[in-house]
Amino acid sequence: MAENTTINAAAYNSKGAKADAVALPSDLFDGTINMPVMHQAVKAFLANKRQGNAATKTRGFVIGGNQKPWKQKGTGRARQGSTRAPQWVGGGTVFGPTPRSYAQYVPRKVRALARKSAFNARARENAVIVIESFDIEAPKTSALLALLTALGIADRKVLILSDGVNHNLYMSGRNLPRTHVLPYSDVSTYHLLWSDVVLVEASAFGTKVTGDDADEATEDESGEAKPRKAAAKKAVKKSAAKKTGRKTVAKKTVAKKSTAKKAAAKKSAAKKKGK
């Protein structure tokens, strides 16, 4: 039985800045490592990739050789029936390969256990990294390479698992010989064991990346905003209040000046009438 322990993984934001460690899902990362099952899954994966197109001709498929080379008796030579027999140059092949299927079937639960064991093997080596998201707006290899360099894994075999199909991410990584990009749902035991580092998008595990260096997140589970975001909102409100205060003061001064001018005009008119 596997021990019920929580396994943590290093986490980074979308720009490659360090964040708080993330607890990996306990239903997948429970410490189970089954070597025979992983061997069976990898062997079946490699066998299923074989096309099985190798073929040679037996004596029945080689053209020619229908006539008996010489008569059966009287020549002193060994009896021969066809020049396309296996012992003749240009003859048929004995027990040669023929097109066949190398497919192996592995039960679904066995495949799931092998995949789980491969994840646990990488997590035990601290080779599972969680990233907040892949913010790649257009296919660009240099952008992905810069992210891997910031994480310090550009020179290693990296398996990138995205939450669903990410076309820009796939196009950015397909030209990197040590990088393989897959949707999280399509990953196999072979790909996990091939890699040195597994870089997983946080939403694929259903987790969130938090920390001082992480990008500004939305509201917490309790409904309260992050302190940094709250401070920014207060600063915006203060600046807006100052602007409105200046406008009201300016309006009041203008109004006072206009009323004073009107009163002076009235007094001058009354004086003229009195004269």
C-alpha atoms as a PDB file:
ATOM      1  CA  MET A   1       0.000   0.000   0.000  1.00  0.00           C
ATOM      2  CA  ALA A   2       1.203   3.492  -0.849  1.00  0.00           C
ATOM      3  CA  GLU A   3       1.591   6.039   1.889  1.00  0.00           C
ATOM      4  CA  ASN A   4      -0.923   8.876   1.937  1.00  0.00           C
ATOM      5  CA  THR A   5       1.564  11.719   1.778  1.00  0.00           C
ATOM      6  CA  THR A   6       1.221  15.074   0.051  1.00  0.00           C
ATOM      7  CA  ILE A   7       3.730  15.663  -2.722  1.00  0.00           C
ATOM      8  CA  ASN A   8       4.629  19.260  -3.532  1.00  0.00           C
ATOM      9  CA  ALA A   9       6.029  20.563  -6.803  1.00  0.00           C
ATOM     10  CA  ALA A  10       7.859  23.740  -7.744  1.00  0.00           C
ATOM     11  CA  ALA A  11       5.623  26.390  -9.296  1.00  0.00           C
ATOM     12  CA  TYR A  12       6.253  29.378 -11.551  1.00  0.00           C
ATOM     13  CA  ASN A  13       4.113  32.084 -13.099  1.00  0.00           C
ATOM     14  CA  SER A  14       3.660  32.569 -16.834  1.00  0.00           C
ATOM     15  CA  LYS A  15       6.808  34.734 -17.046  1.00  0.00           C
ATOM     16  CA  GLY A  16       9.064  32.212 -15.286  1.00  0.00           C
ATOM     17  CA  ALA A  17       9.146  33.875 -11.856  1.00  0.00           C
ATOM     18  CA  LYS A  18       9.269  31.639  -8.789  1.00  0.00           C
ATOM     19  CA  ALA A  19       6.012  31.155  -6.864  1.00  0.00           C
ATOM     20  CA  ASP A  20       4.868  29.138  -3.856  1.00  0.00           C
ATOM     21  CA  ALA A  21       5.085  25.353  -4.073  1.00  0.00           C
ATOM     22  CA  VAL A  22       1.907  23.622  -5.228  1.00  0.00           C
ATOM     23  CA  ALA A  23       0.428  20.467  -3.707  1.00  0.00           C
ATOM     24  CA  LEU A  24      -0.057  17.871  -6.446  1.00  0.00           C
ATOM     25  CA  PRO A  25      -3.386  15.987  -6.666  1.00  0.00           C
ATOM     26  CA  SER A  26      -3.382  13.168  -4.118  1.00  0.00           C
ATOM     27  CA  ASP A  27      -5.458  10.828  -6.304  1.00  0.00           C
ATOM     28  CA  LEU A  28      -2.697  10.778  -8.931  1.00  0.00           C
ATOM     29  CA  PHE A  29       0.436  11.409  -6.871  1.00  0.00           C
ATOM     30  CA  ASP A  30       0.236   8.858  -4.073  1.00  0.00           C
ATOM     31  CA  GLY A  31       3.740   7.398  -4.358  1.00  0.00           C
ATOM     32  CA  THR A  32       2.751   4.309  -6.348  1.00  0.00           C
ATOM     33  CA  ILE A  33       5.522   3.038  -8.659  1.00  0.00           C
ATOM     34  CA  ASN A  34       4.913  -0.280 -10.432  1.00  0.00           C
ATOM     35  CA  MET A  35       7.912  -1.165 -12.603  1.00  0.00           C
ATOM     36  CA  PRO A  36       6.500  -4.278 -14.396  1.00  0.00           C
ATOM     37  CA  VAL A  37       3.378  -2.386 -15.438  1.00  0.00           C
ATOM     38  CA  MET A  38       5.437   0.523 -16.782  1.00  0.00           C
ATOM     39  CA  HIS A  39       7.605  -1.919 -18.740  1.00  0.00           C
ATOM     40  CA  GLN A  40       4.523  -3.534 -20.256  1.00  0.00           C
ATOM     41  CA  ALA A  41       3.042  -0.170 -21.243  1.00  0.00           C
ATOM     42  CA  VAL A  42       6.267   1.121 -22.837  1.00  0.00           C
ATOM     43  CA  LYS A  43       6.836  -2.158 -24.701  1.00  0.00           C
ATOM     44  CA  ALA A  44       3.295  -2.058 -26.085  1.00  0.00           C
ATOM     45  CA  PHE A  45       3.654   1.619 -27.043  1.00  0.00           C
ATOM     46  CA  LEU A  46       6.830   0.967 -29.038  1.00  0.00           C
ATOM     47  CA  ALA A  47       5.359  -2.169 -30.629  1.00  0.00           C
ATOM     48  CA  ASN A  48       2.226  -0.300 -31.718  1.00  0.00           C
ATOM     49  CA  LYS A  49       4.390   2.270 -33.514  1.00  0.00           C
ATOM     50  CA  ARG A  50       5.807  -0.419 -35.828  1.00  0.00           C
ATOM     51  CA  GLN A  51       4.299  -0.494 -39.306  1.00  0.00           C
ATOM     52  CA  GLY A  52       5.109  -4.161 -39.967  1.00  0.00           C
ATOM     53  CA  ASN A  53       5.763  -3.637 -43.679  1.00  0.00           C
ATOM     54  CA  ALA A  54       8.865  -5.853 -44.017  1.00  0.00           C
ATOM     55  CA  ALA A  55       8.321  -8.477 -46.733  1.00  0.00           C
ATOM     56  CA  THR A  56      10.352 -10.981 -48.770  1.00  0.00           C
ATOM     57  CA  LYS A  57       9.356 -13.334 -51.599  1.00  0.00           C
ATOM     58  CA  THR A  58       9.149 -17.053 -51.155  1.00  0.00           C
ATOM     59  CA  ARG A  59       9.851 -19.325 -54.149  1.00  0.00           C
ATOM     60  CA  GLY A  60       6.190 -19.116 -55.110  1.00  0.00           C
ATOM     61  CA  PHE A  61       6.390 -15.336 -55.711  1.00  0.00           C
ATOM     62  CA  VAL A  62       9.734 -15.174 -57.574  1.00  0.00           C
ATOM     63  CA  ILE A  63       9.336 -14.761 -61.340  1.00  0.00           C
ATOM     64  CA  GLY A  64      10.709 -17.535 -63.566  1.00  0.00           C
ATOM     65  CA  GLY A  65      12.071 -20.984 -62.809  1.00  0.00           C
ATOM     66  CA  ASN A  66       9.129 -22.927 -64.159  1.00  0.00           C
ATOM     67  CA  GLN A  67      11.226 -25.193 -66.374  1.00  0.00           C
ATOM     68  CA  LYS A  68      13.360 -27.956 -64.966  1.00  0.00           C
ATOM     69  CA  PRO A  69      17.058 -26.900 -65.411  1.00  0.00           C
ATOM     70  CA  TRP A  70      18.185 -30.336 -66.686  1.00  0.00           C
ATOM     71  CA  LYS A  71      16.823 -33.778 -66.834  1.00  0.00           C
ATOM     72  CA  GLN A  72      16.424 -35.808 -63.716  1.00  0.00           C
ATOM     73  CA  LYS A  73      18.974 -38.546 -64.453  1.00  0.00           C
ATOM     74  CA  GLY A  74      22.124 -39.091 -66.483  1.00  0.00           C
ATOM     75  CA  THR A  75      23.953 -35.763 -66.041  1.00  0.00           C
ATOM     76  CA  GLY A  76      25.886 -36.631 -62.898  1.00  0.00           C
ATOM     77  CA  ARG A  77      24.677 -33.519 -61.201  1.00  0.00           C
ATOM     78  CA  ALA A  78      22.241 -33.185 -58.357  1.00  0.00           C
ATOM     79  CA  ARG A  79      18.627 -33.234 -59.314  1.00  0.00           C
ATOM     80  CA  GLN A  80      16.988 -29.787 -59.563  1.00  0.00           C
ATOM     81  CA  GLY A  81      13.402 -28.862 -60.213  1.00  0.00           C
ATOM     82  CA  SER A  82      13.576 -25.030 -60.472  1.00  0.00           C
ATOM     83  CA  THR A  83      16.137 -22.229 -60.589  1.00  0.00           C
ATOM     84  CA  ARG A  84      14.003 -20.293 -58.074  1.00  0.00           C
ATOM     85  CA  ALA A  85      14.510 -22.811 -55.292  1.00  0.00           C
ATOM     86  CA  PRO A  86      16.047 -21.356 -52.078  1.00  0.00           C
ATOM     87  CA  GLN A  87      19.484 -22.834 -52.742  1.00  0.00           C
ATOM     88  CA  TRP A  88      19.790 -21.029 -56.058  1.00  0.00           C
ATOM     89  CA  VAL A  89      21.078 -17.468 -56.454  1.00  0.00           C
ATOM     90  CA  GLY A  90      18.027 -15.332 -57.118  1.00  0.00           C
ATOM     91  CA  GLY A  91      15.780 -17.944 -55.584  1.00  0.00           C
ATOM     92  CA  GLY A  92      13.110 -17.474 -52.953  1.00  0.00           C
ATOM     93  CA  THR A  93      13.625 -16.793 -49.249  1.00  0.00           C
ATOM     94  CA  VAL A  94      12.870 -19.409 -46.635  1.00  0.00           C
ATOM     95  CA  PHE A  95      10.917 -18.238 -43.579  1.00  0.00           C
ATOM     96  CA  GLY A  96      11.397 -14.575 -44.502  1.00  0.00           C
ATOM     97  CA  PRO A  97       9.393 -11.709 -42.947  1.00  0.00           C
ATOM     98  CA  THR A  98       5.917 -11.000 -44.251  1.00  0.00           C
ATOM     99  CA  PRO A  99       3.641  -8.002 -43.522  1.00  0.00           C
ATOM    100  CA  ARG A 100       2.118  -8.414 -40.102  1.00  0.00           C
ATOM    101  CA  SER A 101       0.697  -6.404 -37.198  1.00  0.00           C
ATOM    102  CA  TYR A 102       2.811  -5.928 -34.078  1.00  0.00           C
ATOM    103  CA  ALA A 103      -0.062  -4.389 -32.115  1.00  0.00           C
ATOM    104  CA  GLN A 104      -0.308  -5.233 -28.435  1.00  0.00           C
ATOM    105  CA  TYR A 105      -3.369  -4.590 -26.331  1.00  0.00           C
ATOM    106  CA  VAL A 106      -2.983  -3.294 -22.791  1.00  0.00           C
ATOM    107  CA  PRO A 107      -6.101  -3.050 -20.595  1.00  0.00           C
ATOM    108  CA  ARG A 108      -7.270   0.433 -19.734  1.00  0.00           C
ATOM    109  CA  LYS A 109      -6.717   0.061 -15.983  1.00  0.00           C
ATOM    110  CA  VAL A 110      -3.198  -1.259 -16.560  1.00  0.00           C
ATOM    111  CA  ARG A 111      -2.425   1.747 -18.777  1.00  0.00           C
ATOM    112  CA  ALA A 112      -3.793   4.097 -16.116  1.00  0.00           C
ATOM    113  CA  LEU A 113      -1.674   2.451 -13.419  1.00  0.00           C
ATOM    114  CA  ALA A 114       1.459   2.679 -15.591  1.00  0.00           C
ATOM    115  CA  ARG A 115       0.803   6.361 -16.300  1.00  0.00           C
ATOM    116  CA  LYS A 116       0.253   7.008 -12.597  1.00  0.00           C
ATOM    117  CA  SER A 117       3.486   5.186 -11.735  1.00  0.00           C
ATOM    118  CA  ALA A 118       5.428   7.265 -14.275  1.00  0.00           C
ATOM    119  CA  PHE A 119       4.061  10.504 -12.800  1.00  0.00           C
ATOM    120  CA  ASN A 120       5.050   9.377  -9.309  1.00  0.00           C
ATOM    121  CA  ALA A 121       8.519   8.413 -10.500  1.00  0.00           C
ATOM    122  CA  ARG A 122       9.092  11.895 -11.909  1.00  0.00           C
ATOM    123  CA  ALA A 123       7.598  13.557  -8.824  1.00  0.00           C
ATOM    124  CA  ARG A 124       9.929  11.549  -6.577  1.00  0.00           C
ATOM    125  CA  GLU A 125      12.858  13.010  -8.558  1.00  0.00           C
ATOM    126  CA  ASN A 126      11.453  16.563  -8.153  1.00  0.00           C
ATOM    127  CA  ALA A 127      11.102  16.649 -11.930  1.00  0.00           C
ATOM    128  CA  VAL A 128       7.470  17.863 -12.028  1.00  0.00           C
ATOM    129  CA  ILE A 129       7.086  21.631 -12.446  1.00  0.00           C
ATOM    130  CA  VAL A 130       3.762  23.479 -12.420  1.00  0.00           C
ATOM    131  CA  ILE A 131       3.394  26.680 -14.438  1.00  0.00           C
ATOM    132  CA  GLU A 132       0.512  29.110 -14.128  1.00  0.00           C
ATOM    133  CA  SER A 133      -0.220  29.327 -17.877  1.00  0.00           C
ATOM    134  CA  PHE A 134       1.450  29.486 -21.264  1.00  0.00           C
ATOM    135  CA  ASP A 135       0.919  33.037 -22.530  1.00  0.00           C
ATOM    136  CA  ILE A 136       2.091  32.598 -26.122  1.00  0.00           C
ATOM    137  CA  GLU A 137      -0.002  34.804 -28.369  1.00  0.00           C
ATOM    138  CA  ALA A 138       1.570  33.618 -31.634  1.00  0.00           C
ATOM    139  CA  PRO A 139       3.753  30.662 -32.679  1.00  0.00           C
ATOM    140  CA  LYS A 140       7.288  31.701 -31.773  1.00  0.00           C
ATOM    141  CA  THR A 141      10.072  29.308 -30.836  1.00  0.00           C
ATOM    142  CA  SER A 142      12.185  32.024 -29.218  1.00  0.00           C
ATOM    143  CA  ALA A 143       9.379  32.867 -26.752  1.00  0.00           C
ATOM    144  CA  LEU A 144       9.124  29.274 -25.528  1.00  0.00           C
ATOM    145  CA  LEU A 145      12.904  28.905 -25.431  1.00  0.00           C
ATOM    146  CA  ALA A 146      13.159  32.067 -23.313  1.00  0.00           C
ATOM    147  CA  LEU A 147      10.632  30.611 -20.853  1.00  0.00           C
ATOM    148  CA  LEU A 148      12.535  27.315 -20.601  1.00  0.00           C
ATOM    149  CA  THR A 149      15.772  29.242 -20.104  1.00  0.00           C
ATOM    150  CA  ALA A 150      14.200  31.273 -17.293  1.00  0.00           C
ATOM    151  CA  LEU A 151      13.175  28.005 -15.636  1.00  0.00           C
ATOM    152  CA  GLY A 152      16.687  26.592 -16.105  1.00  0.00           C
ATOM    153  CA  ILE A 153      15.596  23.521 -18.077  1.00  0.00           C
ATOM    154  CA  ALA A 154      16.430  24.541 -21.653  1.00  0.00           C
ATOM    155  CA  ASP A 155      19.262  21.978 -21.912  1.00  0.00           C
ATOM    156  CA  ARG A 156      17.167  19.024 -20.678  1.00  0.00           C
ATOM    157  CA  LYS A 157      14.501  16.826 -22.268  1.00  0.00           C
ATOM    158  CA  VAL A 158      11.273  18.630 -21.397  1.00  0.00           C
ATOM    159  CA  LEU A 159       7.744  17.280 -21.711  1.00  0.00           C
ATOM    160  CA  ILE A 160       5.230  20.156 -21.806  1.00  0.00           C
ATOM    161  CA  LEU A 161       1.646  19.266 -20.917  1.00  0.00           C
ATOM    162  CA  SER A 162      -1.010  21.866 -21.695  1.00  0.00           C
ATOM    163  CA  ASP A 163      -4.602  22.004 -20.517  1.00  0.00           C
ATOM    164  CA  GLY A 164      -6.244  21.002 -23.790  1.00  0.00           C
ATOM    165  CA  VAL A 165      -4.951  21.633 -27.292  1.00  0.00           C
ATOM    166  CA  ASN A 166      -2.755  24.746 -27.509  1.00  0.00           C
ATOM    167  CA  HIS A 167      -1.857  25.319 -31.156  1.00  0.00           C
ATOM    168  CA  ASN A 168       0.513  28.235 -30.561  1.00  0.00           C
ATOM    169  CA  LEU A 169       2.382  26.299 -27.875  1.00  0.00           C
ATOM    170  CA  TYR A 170       2.706  23.227 -30.081  1.00  0.00           C
ATOM    171  CA  MET A 171       3.976  25.246 -33.056  1.00  0.00           C
ATOM    172  CA  SER A 172       6.456  27.042 -30.806  1.00  0.00           C
ATOM    173  CA  GLY A 173       7.912  23.832 -29.401  1.00  0.00           C
ATOM    174  CA  ARG A 174       7.977  21.484 -32.378  1.00  0.00           C
ATOM    175  CA  ASN A 175      11.299  22.909 -33.642  1.00  0.00           C
ATOM    176  CA  LEU A 176      13.081  22.262 -30.320  1.00  0.00           C
ATOM    177  CA  PRO A 177      14.717  18.806 -30.455  1.00  0.00           C
ATOM    178  CA  ARG A 178      14.635  18.291 -26.661  1.00  0.00           C
ATOM    179  CA  THR A 179      11.067  19.536 -26.169  1.00  0.00           C
ATOM    180  CA  HIS A 180       7.830  17.636 -26.679  1.00  0.00           C
ATOM    181  CA  VAL A 181       4.415  19.343 -26.390  1.00  0.00           C
ATOM    182  CA  LEU A 182       1.266  17.332 -25.677  1.00  0.00           C
ATOM    183  CA  PRO A 183      -2.202  17.897 -24.228  1.00  0.00           C
ATOM    184  CA  TYR A 184      -2.359  16.573 -20.675  1.00  0.00           C
ATOM    185  CA  SER A 185      -5.077  14.073 -21.621  1.00  0.00           C
ATOM    186  CA  ASP A 186      -2.894  12.493 -24.348  1.00  0.00           C
ATOM    187  CA  VAL A 187       0.268  11.859 -22.324  1.00  0.00           C
ATOM    188  CA  SER A 188       1.492   8.263 -22.147  1.00  0.00           C
ATOM    189  CA  THR A 189       3.890   6.340 -19.917  1.00  0.00           C
ATOM    190  CA  TYR A 190       6.518   6.371 -22.664  1.00  0.00           C
ATOM    191  CA  HIS A 191       6.521  10.187 -22.935  1.00  0.00           C
ATOM    192  CA  LEU A 192       6.775  10.610 -19.159  1.00  0.00           C
ATOM    193  CA  LEU A 193       9.718   8.225 -18.885  1.00  0.00           C
ATOM    194  CA  TRP A 194      11.386   9.747 -21.960  1.00  0.00           C
ATOM    195  CA  SER A 195      11.527  13.193 -20.372  1.00  0.00           C
ATOM    196  CA  ASP A 196      13.873  14.581 -17.753  1.00  0.00           C
ATOM    197  CA  VAL A 197      11.432  17.307 -16.652  1.00  0.00           C
ATOM    198  CA  VAL A 198       7.627  17.448 -16.875  1.00  0.00           C
ATOM    199  CA  LEU A 199       6.230  20.988 -17.203  1.00  0.00           C
ATOM    200  CA  VAL A 200       2.479  20.980 -16.528  1.00  0.00           C
ATOM    201  CA  GLU A 201      -0.043  23.802 -16.823  1.00  0.00           C
ATOM    202  CA  ALA A 202      -1.723  24.443 -13.465  1.00  0.00           C
ATOM    203  CA  SER A 203      -5.264  24.247 -14.821  1.00  0.00           C
ATOM    204  CA  ALA A 204      -4.586  20.687 -16.047  1.00  0.00           C
ATOM    205  CA  PHE A 205      -4.144  19.590 -12.417  1.00  0.00           C
ATOM    206  CA  GLY A 206      -6.940  21.848 -11.213  1.00  0.00           C
ATOM    207  CA  THR A 207      -4.572  23.880  -9.010  1.00  0.00           C
ATOM    208  CA  LYS A 208      -3.699  27.560  -8.734  1.00  0.00           C
ATOM    209  CA  VAL A 209      -0.306  29.224  -8.577  1.00  0.00           C
ATOM    210  CA  THR A 210       0.049  31.847  -5.845  1.00  0.00           C
ATOM    211  CA  GLY A 211       2.899  33.754  -4.229  1.00  0.00           C
ATOM    212  CA  ASP A 212       4.685  37.117  -4.066  1.00  0.00           C
ATOM    213  CA  ASP A 213       6.296  36.628  -7.455  1.00  0.00           C
ATOM    214  CA  ALA A 214       3.209  35.232  -9.148  1.00  0.00           C
ATOM    215  CA  ASP A 215       0.997  37.330 -11.379  1.00  0.00           C
ATOM    216  CA  GLU A 216      -1.775  39.294  -9.699  1.00  0.00           C
ATOM    217  CA  ALA A 217      -4.587  36.839  -9.150  1.00  0.00           C
ATOM    218  CA  THR A 218      -8.300  37.390  -8.787  1.00  0.00           C
ATOM    219  CA  GLU A 219     -10.176  37.267  -5.526  1.00  0.00           C
ATOM    220  CA  ASP A 220      -9.371  34.651  -2.865  1.00  0.00           C
ATOM    221  CA  GLU A 221     -11.709  31.844  -1.901  1.00  0.00           C
ATOM    222  CA  SER A 222     -13.036  34.025   0.958  1.00  0.00           C
ATOM    223  CA  GLY A 223     -13.959  36.755  -1.538  1.00  0.00           C
ATOM    224  CA  GLU A 224     -11.307  39.229  -0.367  1.00  0.00           C
ATOM    225  CA  ALA A 225      -9.025  40.802  -2.974  1.00  0.00           C
ATOM    226  CA  LYS A 226      -5.247  40.501  -2.875  1.00  0.00           C
ATOM    227  CA  PRO A 227      -3.531  43.261  -0.796  1.00  0.00           C
ATOM    228  CA  ARG A 228      -1.546  44.453  -3.800  1.00  0.00           C
ATOM    229  CA  LYS A 229      -4.666  44.767  -5.906  1.00  0.00           C
ATOM    230  CA  ALA A 230      -6.555  46.520  -3.079  1.00  0.00           C
ATOM    231  CA  ALA A 231      -3.743  49.026  -2.662  1.00  0.00           C
ATOM    232  CA  ALA A 232      -3.795  49.743  -6.369  1.00  0.00           C
ATOM    233  CA  LYS A 233      -7.552  50.324  -6.266  1.00  0.00           C
ATOM    234  CA  LYS A 234      -7.186  52.719  -3.310  1.00  0.00           C
ATOM    235  CA  ALA A 235      -4.506  54.694  -5.136  1.00  0.00           C
ATOM    236  CA  VAL A 236      -6.737  55.013  -8.186  1.00  0.00           C
ATOM    237  CA  LYS A 237      -9.659  56.175  -6.043  1.00  0.00           C
ATOM    238  CA  LYS A 238      -7.509  58.773  -4.257  1.00  0.00           C
ATOM    239  CA  SER A 239      -6.207  60.202  -7.523  1.00  0.00           C
ATOM    240  CA  ALA A 240      -9.757  60.354  -8.893  1.00  0.00           C
ATOM    241  CA  ALA A 241     -10.970  62.094  -5.724  1.00  0.00           C
ATOM    242  CA  LYS A 242      -8.187  64.679  -5.963  1.00  0.00           C
ATOM    243  CA  LYS A 243      -9.078  65.423  -9.572  1.00  0.00           C
ATOM    244  CA  THR A 244     -12.788  65.843  -8.753  1.00  0.00           C
ATOM    245  CA  GLY A 245     -11.915  68.047  -5.758  1.00  0.00           C
ATOM    246  CA  ARG A 246      -9.823  70.330  -7.933  1.00  0.00           C
ATOM    247  CA  LYS A 247     -12.649  70.587 -10.446  1.00  0.00           C
ATOM    248  CA  THR A 248     -15.242  71.523  -7.777  1.00  0.00           C
ATOM    249  CA  VAL A 249     -12.938  74.177  -6.256  1.00  0.00           C
ATOM    250  CA  ALA A 250     -12.340  75.672  -9.703  1.00  0.00           C
ATOM    251  CA  LYS A 251     -16.084  75.762 -10.392  1.00  0.00           C
ATOM    252  CA  LYS A 252     -16.769  77.514  -7.046  1.00  0.00           C
ATOM    253  CA  THR A 253     -14.141  80.192  -7.673  1.00  0.00           C
ATOM    254  CA  VAL A 254     -15.500  80.844 -11.160  1.00  0.00           C
ATOM    255  CA  ALA A 255     -19.043  81.112  -9.770  1.00  0.00           C
ATOM    256  CA  LYS A 256     -17.935  83.585  -7.059  1.00  0.00           C
ATOM    257  CA  LYS A 257     -16.170  85.775  -9.590  1.00  0.00           C
ATOM    258  CA  SER A 258     -19.228  85.838 -11.861  1.00  0.00           C
ATOM    259  CA  THR A 259     -21.567  86.815  -8.982  1.00  0.00           C
ATOM    260  CA  ALA A 260     -19.177  89.566  -7.844  1.00  0.00           C
ATOM    261  CA  LYS A 261     -19.078  90.988 -11.373  1.00  0.00           C
ATOM    262  CA  LYS A 262     -22.867  90.983 -11.588  1.00  0.00           C
ATOM    263  CA  ALA A 263     -23.211  92.783  -8.221  1.00  0.00           C
ATOM    264  CA  ALA A 264     -20.702  95.465  -9.244  1.00  0.00           C
ATOM    265  CA  ALA A 265     -22.559  95.978 -12.532  1.00  0.00           C
ATOM    266  CA  LYS A 266     -25.868  96.416 -10.653  1.00  0.00           C
ATOM    267  CA  LYS A 267     -24.357  99.007  -8.262  1.00  0.00           C
ATOM    268  CA  SER A 268     -22.890 101.047 -11.119  1.00  0.00           C
ATOM    269  CA  ALA A 269     -26.252 101.029 -12.896  1.00  0.00           C
ATOM    270  CA  ALA A 270     -28.081 102.195  -9.732  1.00  0.00           C
ATOM    271  CA  LYS A 271     -25.617 105.053  -9.253  1.00  0.00           C
ATOM    272  CA  LYS A 272     -26.176 106.265 -12.793  1.00  0.00           C
ATOM    273  CA  LYS A 273     -29.952 106.265 -12.284  1.00  0.00           C
ATOM    274  CA  GLY A 274     -29.636 108.272  -8.989  1.00  0.00           C
ATOM    275  CA  LYS A 275     -27.669 110.989 -10.748  1.00  0.00           C
END
